N, C-alpha and C. Protein backbone atom coordinates (compact mmCIF):
# COMPACT_ATOMS: atom_id res chain seq x y z
N MET A 1 -210.06 -120.90 228.77
CA MET A 1 -208.99 -121.87 228.96
C MET A 1 -207.91 -121.57 227.92
N PRO A 2 -206.67 -121.56 228.36
CA PRO A 2 -205.57 -121.37 227.42
C PRO A 2 -205.45 -122.56 226.46
N VAL A 3 -204.92 -122.29 225.28
CA VAL A 3 -204.72 -123.35 224.29
C VAL A 3 -203.82 -124.44 224.86
N SER A 4 -202.83 -124.06 225.63
CA SER A 4 -201.93 -125.07 226.21
C SER A 4 -202.69 -126.06 227.09
N GLN A 5 -203.67 -125.58 227.82
CA GLN A 5 -204.47 -126.46 228.67
C GLN A 5 -205.35 -127.37 227.81
N ALA A 6 -205.89 -126.84 226.73
CA ALA A 6 -206.70 -127.65 225.82
C ALA A 6 -205.85 -128.77 225.21
N ILE A 7 -204.62 -128.45 224.84
CA ILE A 7 -203.72 -129.46 224.28
C ILE A 7 -203.43 -130.54 225.31
N GLU A 8 -203.20 -130.14 226.55
CA GLU A 8 -202.96 -131.12 227.62
C GLU A 8 -204.15 -132.06 227.78
N ILE A 9 -205.35 -131.53 227.75
CA ILE A 9 -206.55 -132.35 227.90
C ILE A 9 -206.68 -133.32 226.73
N LEU A 10 -206.43 -132.84 225.52
CA LEU A 10 -206.49 -133.71 224.34
C LEU A 10 -205.50 -134.86 224.49
N GLN A 11 -204.29 -134.55 224.93
CA GLN A 11 -203.25 -135.57 225.08
C GLN A 11 -203.58 -136.55 226.20
N GLU A 12 -204.04 -136.03 227.32
CA GLU A 12 -204.35 -136.88 228.48
C GLU A 12 -205.43 -137.91 228.15
N HIS A 13 -206.41 -137.49 227.37
CA HIS A 13 -207.55 -138.36 227.08
C HIS A 13 -207.42 -139.09 225.75
N GLY A 14 -206.34 -138.82 225.02
CA GLY A 14 -206.12 -139.50 223.75
C GLY A 14 -207.22 -139.25 222.74
N THR A 15 -207.75 -138.04 222.75
CA THR A 15 -208.83 -137.70 221.84
C THR A 15 -208.38 -136.61 220.87
N ARG A 16 -209.15 -136.41 219.83
CA ARG A 16 -208.82 -135.39 218.84
C ARG A 16 -209.78 -134.22 218.88
N TYR A 17 -210.77 -134.29 219.77
CA TYR A 17 -211.81 -133.26 219.84
C TYR A 17 -212.05 -132.86 221.29
N ILE A 18 -212.38 -131.59 221.50
CA ILE A 18 -212.74 -131.12 222.83
C ILE A 18 -213.92 -130.16 222.68
N ALA A 19 -214.88 -130.29 223.56
CA ALA A 19 -216.05 -129.41 223.53
C ALA A 19 -215.67 -128.04 224.09
N VAL A 20 -216.17 -127.00 223.45
CA VAL A 20 -215.99 -125.64 223.95
C VAL A 20 -217.32 -125.23 224.57
N ILE A 21 -217.28 -124.98 225.88
CA ILE A 21 -218.48 -124.70 226.66
C ILE A 21 -218.44 -123.26 227.15
N GLY A 22 -219.57 -122.56 227.02
CA GLY A 22 -219.65 -121.18 227.48
C GLY A 22 -219.89 -121.08 228.98
N ASP A 23 -219.92 -119.85 229.47
CA ASP A 23 -220.14 -119.60 230.90
C ASP A 23 -221.49 -120.14 231.37
N ASP A 24 -222.45 -120.24 230.45
CA ASP A 24 -223.78 -120.75 230.80
C ASP A 24 -223.89 -122.26 230.61
N ASN A 25 -222.73 -122.91 230.40
CA ASN A 25 -222.63 -124.36 230.19
C ASN A 25 -223.27 -124.84 228.89
N ALA A 26 -223.51 -123.91 227.97
CA ALA A 26 -224.04 -124.27 226.65
C ALA A 26 -222.86 -124.56 225.71
N LEU A 27 -223.06 -125.51 224.82
CA LEU A 27 -222.03 -125.86 223.85
C LEU A 27 -221.85 -124.71 222.86
N ILE A 28 -220.62 -124.25 222.73
CA ILE A 28 -220.29 -123.20 221.77
C ILE A 28 -219.79 -123.82 220.48
N GLY A 29 -219.00 -124.87 220.61
CA GLY A 29 -218.44 -125.53 219.43
C GLY A 29 -217.53 -126.67 219.83
N ILE A 30 -216.88 -127.21 218.81
CA ILE A 30 -215.95 -128.32 219.00
C ILE A 30 -214.59 -127.87 218.47
N LEU A 31 -213.56 -128.05 219.29
CA LEU A 31 -212.20 -127.73 218.89
C LEU A 31 -211.49 -129.03 218.55
N ARG A 32 -210.93 -129.09 217.35
CA ARG A 32 -210.21 -130.29 216.92
C ARG A 32 -208.71 -130.05 217.04
N ASP A 33 -207.98 -131.13 217.20
CA ASP A 33 -206.53 -131.00 217.27
C ASP A 33 -205.98 -130.36 216.01
N VAL A 34 -206.57 -130.68 214.88
CA VAL A 34 -206.11 -130.12 213.60
C VAL A 34 -206.37 -128.61 213.54
N ASP A 35 -207.40 -128.12 214.22
CA ASP A 35 -207.65 -126.68 214.28
C ASP A 35 -206.49 -125.97 214.97
N ILE A 36 -205.99 -126.57 216.03
CA ILE A 36 -204.86 -125.98 216.76
C ILE A 36 -203.61 -126.01 215.88
N LEU A 37 -203.38 -127.12 215.21
CA LEU A 37 -202.21 -127.23 214.33
C LEU A 37 -202.26 -126.20 213.21
N LYS A 38 -203.43 -126.02 212.61
CA LYS A 38 -203.58 -125.04 211.53
C LYS A 38 -203.32 -123.63 212.03
N ALA A 39 -203.79 -123.32 213.23
CA ALA A 39 -203.57 -121.99 213.80
C ALA A 39 -202.09 -121.72 214.03
N PHE A 40 -201.37 -122.71 214.56
CA PHE A 40 -199.94 -122.54 214.79
C PHE A 40 -199.16 -122.51 213.49
N LYS A 41 -199.61 -123.26 212.50
CA LYS A 41 -198.93 -123.27 211.20
C LYS A 41 -198.96 -121.87 210.59
N GLY A 42 -200.08 -121.17 210.80
CA GLY A 42 -200.20 -119.82 210.28
C GLY A 42 -199.27 -118.83 210.96
N LEU A 43 -198.77 -119.17 212.13
CA LEU A 43 -197.88 -118.27 212.86
C LEU A 43 -196.41 -118.48 212.50
N ILE A 44 -196.12 -119.62 211.89
CA ILE A 44 -194.72 -119.95 211.58
C ILE A 44 -194.33 -119.36 210.24
């Protein structure tokens, strides 16, 4: 899933966390809104 889609889901549901699920439907990790912000901050 593109980061833009993850951001849309976070905004739509008013949450700060989204589960990252692998192809086998196993939990890989949790993506936080702050993780996305930190990643973009590093690009600026």
